[in-house]
PDB file of all heavy atoms in Angstrom:
ATOM      1  N   LEU A   1    -103.893  61.630 -58.869  1.00  0.00           N
ATOM      2  CA  LEU A   1    -104.941  60.735 -58.410  1.00  0.00           C
ATOM      3  C   LEU A   1    -104.640  60.294 -56.986  1.00  0.00           C
ATOM      4  O   LEU A   1    -103.698  59.541 -56.738  1.00  0.00           O
ATOM      5  CB  LEU A   1    -105.070  59.490 -59.297  1.00  0.00           C
ATOM      6  CG  LEU A   1    -105.471  59.710 -60.758  1.00  0.00           C
ATOM      7  CD1 LEU A   1    -105.500  58.399 -61.521  1.00  0.00           C
ATOM      8  CD2 LEU A   1    -106.825  60.398 -60.864  1.00  0.00           C
ATOM      9  N   VAL A   2    -105.408  60.780 -56.035  1.00  0.00           N
ATOM     10  CA  VAL A   2    -105.215  60.434 -54.648  1.00  0.00           C
ATOM     11  C   VAL A   2    -106.348  59.470 -54.234  1.00  0.00           C
ATOM     12  O   VAL A   2    -107.523  59.852 -54.159  1.00  0.00           O
ATOM     13  CB  VAL A   2    -105.239  61.666 -53.742  1.00  0.00           C
ATOM     14  CG1 VAL A   2    -105.013  61.301 -52.272  1.00  0.00           C
ATOM     15  CG2 VAL A   2    -104.185  62.667 -54.181  1.00  0.00           C
ATOM     16  N   LYS A   3    -106.009  58.233 -54.011  1.00  0.00           N
ATOM     17  CA  LYS A   3    -107.017  57.205 -53.764  1.00  0.00           C
ATOM     18  C   LYS A   3    -107.921  57.593 -52.588  1.00  0.00           C
ATOM     19  O   LYS A   3    -107.430  57.946 -51.512  1.00  0.00           O
ATOM     20  CB  LYS A   3    -106.329  55.856 -53.532  1.00  0.00           C
ATOM     21  CG  LYS A   3    -107.330  54.726 -53.398  1.00  0.00           C
ATOM     22  CD  LYS A   3    -106.627  53.368 -53.417  1.00  0.00           C
ATOM     23  CE  LYS A   3    -106.279  52.961 -54.856  1.00  0.00           C
ATOM     24  NZ  LYS A   3    -105.858  51.554 -54.911  1.00  0.00           N
ATOM     25  N   GLY A   4    -109.185  57.531 -52.819  1.00  0.00           N
ATOM     26  CA  GLY A   4    -110.170  57.905 -51.785  1.00  0.00           C
ATOM     27  C   GLY A   4    -110.532  59.352 -51.791  1.00  0.00           C
ATOM     28  O   GLY A   4    -111.485  59.759 -51.128  1.00  0.00           O
ATOM     29  N   TYR A   5    -109.752  60.189 -52.551  1.00  0.00           N
ATOM     30  CA  TYR A   5    -110.008  61.622 -52.538  1.00  0.00           C
ATOM     31  C   TYR A   5    -110.002  62.215 -53.939  1.00  0.00           C
ATOM     32  O   TYR A   5    -109.734  63.401 -54.120  1.00  0.00           O
ATOM     33  CB  TYR A   5    -108.991  62.308 -51.631  1.00  0.00           C
ATOM     34  CG  TYR A   5    -109.033  61.877 -50.218  1.00  0.00           C
ATOM     35  CD1 TYR A   5    -108.255  60.821 -49.749  1.00  0.00           C
ATOM     36  CD2 TYR A   5    -109.954  62.470 -49.337  1.00  0.00           C
ATOM     37  CE1 TYR A   5    -108.361  60.393 -48.444  1.00  0.00           C
ATOM     38  CE2 TYR A   5    -110.026  62.051 -48.003  1.00  0.00           C
ATOM     39  CZ  TYR A   5    -109.237  60.996 -47.558  1.00  0.00           C
ATOM     40  OH  TYR A   5    -109.340  60.564 -46.251  1.00  0.00           O
ATOM     41  N   VAL A   6    -110.232  61.376 -54.941  1.00  0.00           N
ATOM     42  CA  VAL A   6    -110.275  61.878 -56.333  1.00  0.00           C
ATOM     43  C   VAL A   6    -111.475  62.766 -56.515  1.00  0.00           C
ATOM     44  O   VAL A   6    -112.584  62.425 -56.074  1.00  0.00           O
ATOM     45  CB  VAL A   6    -110.269  60.703 -57.339  1.00  0.00           C
ATOM     46  CG1 VAL A   6    -110.401  61.219 -58.765  1.00  0.00           C
ATOM     47  CG2 VAL A   6    -109.051  59.834 -57.184  1.00  0.00           C
ATOM     48  N   GLY A   7    -111.282  63.910 -57.178  1.00  0.00           N
ATOM     49  CA  GLY A   7    -112.388  64.855 -57.436  1.00  0.00           C
ATOM     50  C   GLY A   7    -112.411  65.299 -58.848  1.00  0.00           C
ATOM     51  O   GLY A   7    -111.414  65.227 -59.587  1.00  0.00           O
ATOM     52  N   PRO A   8    -113.556  65.851 -59.309  1.00  0.00           N
ATOM     53  CA  PRO A   8    -113.700  66.261 -60.677  1.00  0.00           C
ATOM     54  C   PRO A   8    -112.800  67.419 -61.073  1.00  0.00           C
ATOM     55  O   PRO A   8    -112.367  67.534 -62.237  1.00  0.00           O
ATOM     56  CB  PRO A   8    -115.150  66.651 -60.828  1.00  0.00           C
ATOM     57  CG  PRO A   8    -115.749  66.634 -59.473  1.00  0.00           C
ATOM     58  CD  PRO A   8    -114.836  65.931 -58.549  1.00  0.00           C
ATOM     59  N   ARG A   9    -112.437  68.286 -60.125  1.00  0.00           N
ATOM     60  CA  ARG A   9    -111.575  69.429 -60.483  1.00  0.00           C
ATOM     61  C   ARG A   9    -110.158  68.941 -60.853  1.00  0.00           C
ATOM     62  O   ARG A   9    -109.555  69.440 -61.798  1.00  0.00           O
ATOM     63  CB  ARG A   9    -111.539  70.439 -59.344  1.00  0.00           C
ATOM     64  CG  ARG A   9    -112.845  71.174 -59.163  1.00  0.00           C
ATOM     65  CD  ARG A   9    -112.695  72.494 -58.399  1.00  0.00           C
ATOM     66  NE  ARG A   9    -112.296  72.350 -57.034  1.00  0.00           N
ATOM     67  CZ  ARG A   9    -112.380  73.292 -56.097  1.00  0.00           C
ATOM     68  NH1 ARG A   9    -112.865  74.490 -56.446  1.00  0.00           N
ATOM     69  NH2 ARG A   9    -112.002  73.098 -54.870  1.00  0.00           N
ATOM     70  N   GLY A  10    -109.668  67.935 -60.115  1.00  0.00           N
ATOM     71  CA  GLY A  10    -108.369  67.406 -60.426  1.00  0.00           C
ATOM     72  C   GLY A  10    -108.362  66.674 -61.769  1.00  0.00           C
ATOM     73  O   GLY A  10    -107.377  66.777 -62.509  1.00  0.00           O
ATOM     74  N   LEU A  11    -109.426  65.959 -62.050  1.00  0.00           N
ATOM     75  CA  LEU A  11    -109.504  65.278 -63.340  1.00  0.00           C
ATOM     76  C   LEU A  11    -109.546  66.269 -64.506  1.00  0.00           C
ATOM     77  O   LEU A  11    -108.821  66.107 -65.507  1.00  0.00           O
ATOM     78  CB  LEU A  11    -110.737  64.384 -63.374  1.00  0.00           C
ATOM     79  CG  LEU A  11    -110.818  63.244 -62.322  1.00  0.00           C
ATOM     80  CD1 LEU A  11    -112.102  62.439 -62.516  1.00  0.00           C
ATOM     81  CD2 LEU A  11    -109.591  62.340 -62.426  1.00  0.00           C
ATOM     82  N   ALA A  12    -110.327  67.323 -64.354  1.00  0.00           N
ATOM     83  CA  ALA A  12    -110.410  68.322 -65.406  1.00  0.00           C
ATOM     84  C   ALA A  12    -109.100  69.033 -65.621  1.00  0.00           C
ATOM     85  O   ALA A  12    -108.672  69.296 -66.760  1.00  0.00           O
ATOM     86  CB  ALA A  12    -111.501  69.354 -65.043  1.00  0.00           C
ATOM     87  N   ALA A  13    -108.401  69.343 -64.510  1.00  0.00           N
ATOM     88  CA  ALA A  13    -107.115  70.060 -64.644  1.00  0.00           C
ATOM     89  C   ALA A  13    -106.052  69.230 -65.336  1.00  0.00           C
ATOM     90  O   ALA A  13    -105.106  69.758 -65.890  1.00  0.00           O
ATOM     91  CB  ALA A  13    -106.639  70.471 -63.249  1.00  0.00           C
ATOM     92  N   ASN A  14    -106.209  67.905 -65.266  1.00  0.00           N
ATOM     93  CA  ASN A  14    -105.206  67.015 -65.903  1.00  0.00           C
ATOM     94  C   ASN A  14    -105.713  66.328 -67.157  1.00  0.00           C
ATOM     95  O   ASN A  14    -105.118  65.369 -67.635  1.00  0.00           O
ATOM     96  CB  ASN A  14    -104.798  65.969 -64.866  1.00  0.00           C
ATOM     97  CG  ASN A  14    -103.955  66.562 -63.764  1.00  0.00           C
ATOM     98  OD1 ASN A  14    -102.743  66.715 -63.876  1.00  0.00           O
ATOM     99  ND2 ASN A  14    -104.594  66.899 -62.622  1.00  0.00           N
ATOM    100  N   GLY A  15    -106.774  66.870 -67.724  1.00  0.00           N
ATOM    101  CA  GLY A  15    -107.248  66.382 -69.025  1.00  0.00           C
ATOM    102  C   GLY A  15    -107.826  64.981 -69.029  1.00  0.00           C
ATOM    103  O   GLY A  15    -107.852  64.321 -70.053  1.00  0.00           O
ATOM    104  N   VAL A  16    -108.315  64.522 -67.867  1.00  0.00           N
ATOM    105  CA  VAL A  16    -108.926  63.189 -67.800  1.00  0.00           C
ATOM    106  C   VAL A  16    -110.439  63.334 -68.077  1.00  0.00           C
ATOM    107  O   VAL A  16    -111.134  64.094 -67.466  1.00  0.00           O
ATOM    108  CB  VAL A  16    -108.714  62.545 -66.435  1.00  0.00           C
ATOM    109  CG1 VAL A  16    -109.439  61.202 -66.339  1.00  0.00           C
ATOM    110  CG2 VAL A  16    -107.242  62.388 -66.171  1.00  0.00           C
ATOM    111  N   ARG A  17    -110.919  62.537 -69.028  1.00  0.00           N
ATOM    112  CA  ARG A  17    -112.333  62.616 -69.403  1.00  0.00           C
ATOM    113  C   ARG A  17    -113.224  62.091 -68.275  1.00  0.00           C
ATOM    114  O   ARG A  17    -112.872  61.146 -67.602  1.00  0.00           O
ATOM    115  CB  ARG A  17    -112.553  61.761 -70.682  1.00  0.00           C
ATOM    116  CG  ARG A  17    -113.859  62.043 -71.376  1.00  0.00           C
ATOM    117  CD  ARG A  17    -113.745  61.649 -72.858  1.00  0.00           C
ATOM    118  NE  ARG A  17    -113.502  60.226 -73.009  1.00  0.00           N
ATOM    119  CZ  ARG A  17    -114.484  59.327 -73.283  1.00  0.00           C
ATOM    120  NH1 ARG A  17    -115.714  59.749 -73.393  1.00  0.00           N
ATOM    121  NH2 ARG A  17    -114.182  58.055 -73.431  1.00  0.00           N
ATOM    122  N   MET A  18    -114.342  62.811 -68.085  1.00  0.00           N
ATOM    123  CA  MET A  18    -115.298  62.442 -67.006  1.00  0.00           C
ATOM    124  C   MET A  18    -116.686  62.159 -67.619  1.00  0.00           C
ATOM    125  O   MET A  18    -117.184  62.964 -68.359  1.00  0.00           O
ATOM    126  CB  MET A  18    -115.453  63.585 -65.995  1.00  0.00           C
ATOM    127  CG  MET A  18    -114.211  63.842 -65.180  1.00  0.00           C
ATOM    128  SD  MET A  18    -114.540  65.249 -64.046  1.00  0.00           S
ATOM    129  CE  MET A  18    -114.496  66.642 -65.185  1.00  0.00           C
ATOM    130  N   LEU A  19    -117.247  61.012 -67.236  1.00  0.00           N
ATOM    131  CA  LEU A  19    -118.620  60.679 -67.639  1.00  0.00           C
ATOM    132  C   LEU A  19    -119.452  60.579 -66.354  1.00  0.00           C
ATOM    133  O   LEU A  19    -119.045  59.881 -65.437  1.00  0.00           O
ATOM    134  CB  LEU A  19    -118.639  59.364 -68.415  1.00  0.00           C
ATOM    135  CG  LEU A  19    -117.841  59.347 -69.732  1.00  0.00           C
ATOM    136  CD1 LEU A  19    -117.939  57.986 -70.387  1.00  0.00           C
ATOM    137  CD2 LEU A  19    -118.318  60.432 -70.673  1.00  0.00           C
ATOM    138  N   ALA A  20    -120.574  61.236 -66.345  1.00  0.00           N
ATOM    139  CA  ALA A  20    -121.369  61.364 -65.116  1.00  0.00           C
ATOM    140  C   ALA A  20    -122.724  60.649 -65.202  1.00  0.00           C
ATOM    141  O   ALA A  20    -123.280  60.478 -66.289  1.00  0.00           O
ATOM    142  CB  ALA A  20    -121.595  62.845 -64.782  1.00  0.00           C
ATOM    143  N   ASP A  21    -123.251  60.282 -64.051  1.00  0.00           N
ATOM    144  CA  ASP A  21    -124.571  59.753 -63.907  1.00  0.00           C
ATOM    145  C   ASP A  21    -125.584  60.849 -64.338  1.00  0.00           C
ATOM    146  O   ASP A  21    -125.330  62.035 -64.124  1.00  0.00           O
ATOM    147  CB  ASP A  21    -124.812  59.377 -62.456  1.00  0.00           C
ATOM    148  CG  ASP A  21    -126.172  58.798 -62.214  1.00  0.00           C
ATOM    149  OD1 ASP A  21    -126.322  57.569 -62.368  1.00  0.00           O
ATOM    150  OD2 ASP A  21    -127.094  59.563 -61.859  1.00  0.00           O
ATOM    151  N   PRO A  22    -126.718  60.469 -64.942  1.00  0.00           N
ATOM    152  CA  PRO A  22    -127.701  61.495 -65.383  1.00  0.00           C
ATOM    153  C   PRO A  22    -128.238  62.401 -64.255  1.00  0.00           C
ATOM    154  O   PRO A  22    -128.790  63.467 -64.513  1.00  0.00           O
ATOM    155  CB  PRO A  22    -128.832  60.638 -65.981  1.00  0.00           C
ATOM    156  CG  PRO A  22    -128.172  59.388 -66.404  1.00  0.00           C
ATOM    157  CD  PRO A  22    -127.097  59.122 -65.395  1.00  0.00           C
ATOM    158  N   ARG A  23    -128.063  61.970 -63.001  1.00  0.00           N
ATOM    159  CA  ARG A  23    -128.528  62.830 -61.885  1.00  0.00           C
ATOM    160  C   ARG A  23    -127.565  63.991 -61.629  1.00  0.00           C
ATOM    161  O   ARG A  23    -127.921  64.935 -60.918  1.00  0.00           O
ATOM    162  CB  ARG A  23    -128.697  61.979 -60.652  1.00  0.00           C
ATOM    163  CG  ARG A  23    -129.916  61.093 -60.661  1.00  0.00           C
ATOM    164  CD  ARG A  23    -129.870  60.023 -59.542  1.00  0.00           C
ATOM    165  NE  ARG A  23    -129.050  58.882 -59.980  1.00  0.00           N
ATOM    166  CZ  ARG A  23    -129.476  57.640 -60.112  1.00  0.00           C
ATOM    167  NH1 ARG A  23    -130.743  57.351 -59.834  1.00  0.00           N
ATOM    168  NH2 ARG A  23    -128.699  56.680 -60.507  1.00  0.00           N
ATOM    169  N   VAL A  24    -126.361  63.933 -62.180  1.00  0.00           N
ATOM    170  CA  VAL A  24    -125.347  64.949 -61.913  1.00  0.00           C
ATOM    171  C   VAL A  24    -125.510  66.035 -62.962  1.00  0.00           C
ATOM    172  O   VAL A  24    -124.777  66.132 -63.955  1.00  0.00           O
ATOM    173  CB  VAL A  24    -123.932  64.340 -61.962  1.00  0.00           C
ATOM    174  CG1 VAL A  24    -122.867  65.376 -61.568  1.00  0.00           C
ATOM    175  CG2 VAL A  24    -123.853  63.128 -61.013  1.00  0.00           C
TER     176      VAL A  24
END
């Protein structure tokens, strides 16, 4: 987790669950 530069690919690679806005 790099503050200011967190991205979905890094979260997915490390098994962190992601919930998105309906526009995504």
